[in-house]
Amino acid sequence: MNELMNRIDADKDGFITQVELYKALDLKPQHSEYQGTSVSIDQVLVKLRRGAEKYHNLHEYVNYLYEQFATGNSAFMSFQELMNCLKTFNFNLTHVERIALMKKMDDNGDNQISKDEFYQALVNAGKTSGERGSPKNSQGANTQGFQDSDDIRVDNALMKIKAGARNYKTLADYVKFLVKKLDANKDGFITPSELVEGLRELGIKIFKGELAAIMRRIDDDRDGVISYDELFRALSRI
């Protein structure tokens, strides 16, 4: 019995959801009650996406949601964790709609939602099937994919930078060290070239194509340099 439970209960929360049962049996829901839920589910995702208006970008918003609700693994969200997230937004979904939402967001069918799946679900919310995916510019080049990749690379770069804070009492102390270390001309600000060279000395390599994206993320006032406050805020959000 325990072995059967372990095989079906994918998120190991002690309960078997309908999604987990379908997955274990390799079935898809055939009930007519699942039909017609796509519109309301899309509306839920649109409303959920509106919460990102308080953040610098959608990636930051998704990271926040995972910090708050993905208790088992910060990179993935289970069905129950997704429901806990929705409760804070006062969504009143039927059981059928909850299952439909999970199926819509869980692209690879592994009974959990990765950050990328969550992000893509919010990006595509409110779009028709023809509008979904990676939009192209007037030359036909894929633009959304590059933007998403930049955000992910910036997140990774900032996480590498922030990792050094483990050796300091507070993040503020670490940022003070960074500014002192990176600010080669001692004017109180970090230029793009100082950022690249200083991080290289710390063993953190920034590629040329990533520098502009990193500056966009950190340089809040768009004056072309990074202040202590801007660096502190950027690392605090990661």
Protein backbone atom coordinates (compact mmCIF):
# COMPACT_ATOMS: atom_id res chain seq x y z
CA MET A 1 0.00 0.00 0.00
CA ASN A 2 2.84 2.39 0.91
CA GLU A 3 4.58 1.60 -2.36
CA LEU A 4 1.41 2.35 -4.33
CA MET A 5 0.93 5.61 -2.45
CA ASN A 6 4.51 6.63 -3.16
CA ARG A 7 4.06 5.98 -6.87
CA ILE A 8 0.86 8.00 -7.16
CA ASP A 9 1.50 10.82 -4.66
CA ALA A 10 4.03 12.73 -6.82
CA ASP A 11 4.47 15.72 -4.48
CA LYS A 12 4.62 13.50 -1.33
CA ASP A 13 2.06 15.59 0.56
CA GLY A 14 0.10 12.56 1.80
CA PHE A 15 -2.83 13.15 -0.55
CA ILE A 16 -3.66 11.94 -4.04
CA THR A 17 -5.06 14.62 -6.29
CA GLN A 18 -7.03 13.95 -9.44
CA VAL A 19 -4.08 15.19 -11.50
CA GLU A 20 -1.75 12.70 -9.80
CA LEU A 21 -4.22 9.88 -10.35
CA TYR A 22 -4.63 10.71 -14.05
CA LYS A 23 -0.87 10.85 -14.42
CA ALA A 24 -0.34 7.51 -12.65
CA LEU A 25 -2.98 5.84 -14.81
CA ASP A 26 -1.77 7.65 -17.92
CA LEU A 27 -5.30 8.97 -18.51
CA LYS A 28 -6.75 12.27 -19.57
CA PRO A 29 -10.01 13.58 -18.09
CA GLN A 30 -12.90 12.78 -20.40
CA HIS A 31 -15.75 14.31 -18.41
CA SER A 32 -17.77 16.96 -20.17
CA GLU A 33 -17.47 19.16 -17.07
CA TYR A 34 -13.88 19.89 -18.10
CA GLN A 35 -15.11 21.52 -21.28
CA GLY A 36 -15.63 25.28 -21.26
CA THR A 37 -13.20 26.03 -18.44
CA SER A 38 -10.48 27.56 -20.64
CA VAL A 39 -11.96 31.08 -20.58
CA SER A 40 -12.28 31.30 -16.80
CA ILE A 41 -8.83 29.75 -16.31
CA ASP A 42 -7.34 32.31 -18.67
CA GLN A 43 -9.04 35.07 -16.69
CA VAL A 44 -7.46 33.73 -13.50
CA LEU A 45 -4.00 33.86 -15.08
CA VAL A 46 -4.59 37.40 -16.37
CA LYS A 47 -5.62 38.56 -12.88
CA LEU A 48 -2.67 36.72 -11.35
CA ARG A 49 -0.32 38.45 -13.79
CA ARG A 50 -1.56 41.87 -12.70
CA GLY A 51 0.29 41.36 -9.43
CA ALA A 52 3.52 41.85 -11.39
CA GLU A 53 2.71 45.55 -11.77
CA LYS A 54 4.30 46.14 -8.36
CA TYR A 55 7.58 44.56 -9.47
CA HIS A 56 10.36 45.51 -11.87
CA ASN A 57 9.55 42.64 -14.22
CA LEU A 58 7.60 39.42 -14.49
CA HIS A 59 10.59 37.24 -13.57
CA GLU A 60 10.99 39.08 -10.28
CA TYR A 61 7.28 38.59 -9.55
CA VAL A 62 7.44 34.85 -10.26
CA ASN A 63 10.54 34.52 -8.08
CA TYR A 64 8.63 36.22 -5.25
CA LEU A 65 5.67 33.84 -5.60
CA TYR A 66 7.98 30.82 -5.45
CA GLU A 67 9.77 32.17 -2.38
CA GLN A 68 6.39 32.53 -0.66
CA PHE A 69 4.63 29.34 -1.69
CA ALA A 70 7.03 26.71 -3.07
CA THR A 71 7.88 25.31 0.35
CA GLY A 72 9.12 21.89 -0.76
CA ASN A 73 11.44 23.04 -3.53
CA SER A 74 11.94 26.68 -4.47
CA ALA A 75 12.27 25.78 -8.16
CA PHE A 76 8.95 23.91 -8.40
CA MET A 77 5.41 24.38 -7.14
CA SER A 78 3.08 21.48 -6.35
CA PHE A 79 -0.67 21.42 -6.93
CA GLN A 80 -1.39 22.21 -3.27
CA GLU A 81 1.18 25.01 -3.22
CA LEU A 82 -0.44 26.52 -6.30
CA MET A 83 -3.82 26.40 -4.54
CA ASN A 84 -2.30 28.11 -1.48
CA CYS A 85 -0.96 30.81 -3.78
CA LEU A 86 -4.37 31.37 -5.37
CA LYS A 87 -6.05 31.66 -1.97
CA THR A 88 -4.07 34.81 -1.23
CA PHE A 89 -5.55 36.36 -4.38
CA ASN A 90 -9.09 35.41 -3.29
CA PHE A 91 -9.71 33.18 -6.31
CA ASN A 92 -12.76 31.00 -5.79
CA LEU A 93 -12.26 28.08 -8.20
CA THR A 94 -14.26 24.90 -8.46
CA HIS A 95 -12.43 21.60 -8.18
CA VAL A 96 -12.74 21.14 -11.94
CA GLU A 97 -11.23 24.56 -12.59
CA ARG A 98 -8.34 23.86 -10.22
CA ILE A 99 -7.48 20.68 -12.08
CA ALA A 100 -7.82 22.46 -15.43
CA LEU A 101 -5.52 25.25 -14.24
CA MET A 102 -2.88 22.78 -13.12
CA LYS A 103 -3.05 20.98 -16.46
CA LYS A 104 -2.78 24.28 -18.33
CA MET A 105 0.34 25.36 -16.44
CA ASP A 106 2.07 21.97 -16.13
CA ASP A 107 3.37 21.72 -19.70
CA ASN A 108 5.50 18.59 -19.23
CA GLY A 109 2.93 16.74 -17.13
CA ASP A 110 5.22 16.02 -14.17
CA ASN A 111 2.62 17.14 -11.59
CA GLN A 112 4.58 20.20 -10.58
CA ILE A 113 5.04 23.65 -12.04
CA SER A 114 8.52 24.94 -12.71
CA LYS A 115 9.30 28.65 -12.62
CA ASP A 116 9.57 28.62 -16.40
CA GLU A 117 6.15 26.97 -16.78
CA PHE A 118 4.62 29.49 -14.38
CA TYR A 119 6.27 32.37 -16.21
CA GLN A 120 5.15 31.17 -19.65
CA ALA A 121 1.58 30.66 -18.41
CA LEU A 122 1.46 34.29 -17.26
CA VAL A 123 3.09 35.56 -20.45
CA ASN A 124 0.52 33.74 -22.61
CA ALA A 125 -2.51 34.62 -20.47
CA GLY A 126 -5.17 36.43 -22.46
CA LYS A 127 -3.59 35.60 -25.82
CA THR A 128 -5.10 33.55 -28.59
CA SER A 129 -3.33 30.37 -29.69
CA GLY A 130 -1.89 32.25 -32.66
CA GLU A 131 -0.41 34.94 -30.42
CA ARG A 132 1.27 32.56 -27.99
CA GLY A 133 4.91 31.63 -28.11
CA SER A 134 7.78 33.87 -29.10
CA PRO A 135 6.69 36.99 -31.03
CA LYS A 136 8.83 38.19 -33.93
CA ASN A 137 9.97 41.64 -34.86
CA SER A 138 9.50 43.28 -38.23
CA GLN A 139 12.49 41.39 -39.63
CA GLY A 140 11.00 38.10 -38.51
CA ALA A 141 13.53 37.55 -35.75
CA ASN A 142 12.50 35.91 -32.51
CA THR A 143 12.51 38.59 -29.81
CA GLN A 144 10.70 37.10 -26.83
CA GLY A 145 13.10 34.18 -26.51
CA PHE A 146 16.12 36.47 -26.33
CA GLN A 147 14.40 38.63 -23.74
CA ASP A 148 13.54 35.62 -21.60
CA SER A 149 17.07 34.23 -21.91
CA ASP A 150 18.51 37.61 -20.89
CA ASP A 151 16.34 37.71 -17.78
CA ILE A 152 17.37 34.21 -16.79
CA ARG A 153 21.07 34.95 -17.36
CA VAL A 154 20.81 38.17 -15.35
CA ASP A 155 19.12 36.27 -12.51
CA ASN A 156 21.94 33.71 -12.58
CA ALA A 157 24.63 36.41 -12.66
CA LEU A 158 23.08 38.29 -9.74
CA MET A 159 22.72 35.07 -7.75
CA LYS A 160 26.44 34.40 -8.28
CA ILE A 161 27.24 37.91 -7.09
CA LYS A 162 24.94 37.60 -4.08
CA ALA A 163 26.48 34.25 -3.08
CA GLY A 164 29.44 36.15 -1.63
CA ALA A 165 27.13 37.70 1.00
CA ARG A 166 27.33 34.44 2.95
CA ASN A 167 30.68 35.60 4.27
CA TYR A 168 29.26 38.84 5.70
CA LYS A 169 26.95 39.59 8.61
CA THR A 170 24.44 41.45 6.45
CA LEU A 171 23.77 42.04 2.78
CA ALA A 172 24.42 45.76 3.37
CA ASP A 173 27.95 44.98 4.59
CA TYR A 174 28.57 42.86 1.51
CA VAL A 175 27.28 45.51 -0.89
CA LYS A 176 29.55 48.10 0.76
CA PHE A 177 32.47 45.77 0.10
CA LEU A 178 31.39 45.27 -3.52
CA VAL A 179 31.10 48.99 -4.22
CA LYS A 180 34.52 49.60 -2.69
CA LYS A 181 35.97 46.70 -4.69
CA LEU A 182 34.34 47.51 -8.02
CA ASP A 183 34.56 51.30 -7.94
CA ALA A 184 38.04 51.64 -9.44
CA ASN A 185 38.13 55.46 -9.63
CA LYS A 186 36.54 55.85 -6.18
CA ASP A 187 33.80 58.24 -7.26
CA GLY A 188 31.10 56.30 -5.44
CA PHE A 189 29.58 54.76 -8.56
CA ILE A 190 30.25 51.64 -10.65
CA THR A 191 30.55 52.03 -14.41
CA PRO A 192 29.83 49.12 -16.79
CA SER A 193 33.54 48.59 -17.42
CA GLU A 194 34.28 48.68 -13.68
CA LEU A 195 31.52 46.13 -13.11
CA VAL A 196 32.92 43.69 -15.67
CA GLU A 197 36.55 44.05 -14.55
CA GLY A 198 35.77 43.97 -10.84
CA LEU A 199 33.57 40.89 -11.07
CA ARG A 200 36.21 39.17 -13.19
CA GLU A 201 38.69 39.66 -10.36
CA LEU A 202 36.13 38.07 -8.04
CA GLY A 203 35.85 35.08 -10.38
CA ILE A 204 32.46 36.07 -11.84
CA LYS A 205 32.55 36.39 -15.62
CA ILE A 206 30.02 38.54 -17.43
CA PHE A 207 29.77 38.07 -21.17
CA LYS A 208 29.53 41.09 -23.44
CA GLY A 209 25.98 40.29 -24.48
CA GLU A 210 24.85 40.11 -20.84
CA LEU A 211 26.23 43.47 -19.68
CA ALA A 212 23.45 45.61 -21.18
CA ALA A 213 20.76 43.38 -19.64
CA ILE A 214 22.46 43.51 -16.24
CA MET A 215 22.71 47.30 -16.40
CA ARG A 216 19.01 47.55 -17.31
CA ARG A 217 18.15 45.44 -14.27
CA ILE A 218 20.35 47.30 -11.76
CA ASP A 219 20.53 50.89 -13.05
CA ASP A 220 17.11 52.08 -11.88
CA ASP A 221 17.56 55.76 -12.70
CA ARG A 222 19.16 55.03 -16.09
CA ASP A 223 22.14 57.34 -15.51
CA GLY A 224 24.60 54.77 -16.88
CA VAL A 225 26.26 53.92 -13.55
CA ILE A 226 25.37 51.80 -10.52
CA SER A 227 25.04 53.29 -7.06
CA TYR A 228 25.19 51.50 -3.71
CA ASP A 229 21.41 51.76 -3.32
CA GLU A 230 20.75 50.32 -6.78
CA LEU A 231 23.08 47.37 -6.25
CA PHE A 232 21.60 46.69 -2.83
CA ARG A 233 18.04 46.72 -4.20
CA ALA A 234 18.97 44.45 -7.11
CA LEU A 235 20.58 41.86 -4.85
CA SER A 236 17.74 42.12 -2.30
CA ARG A 237 15.23 41.16 -4.99
CA ILE A 238 17.08 37.95 -5.89
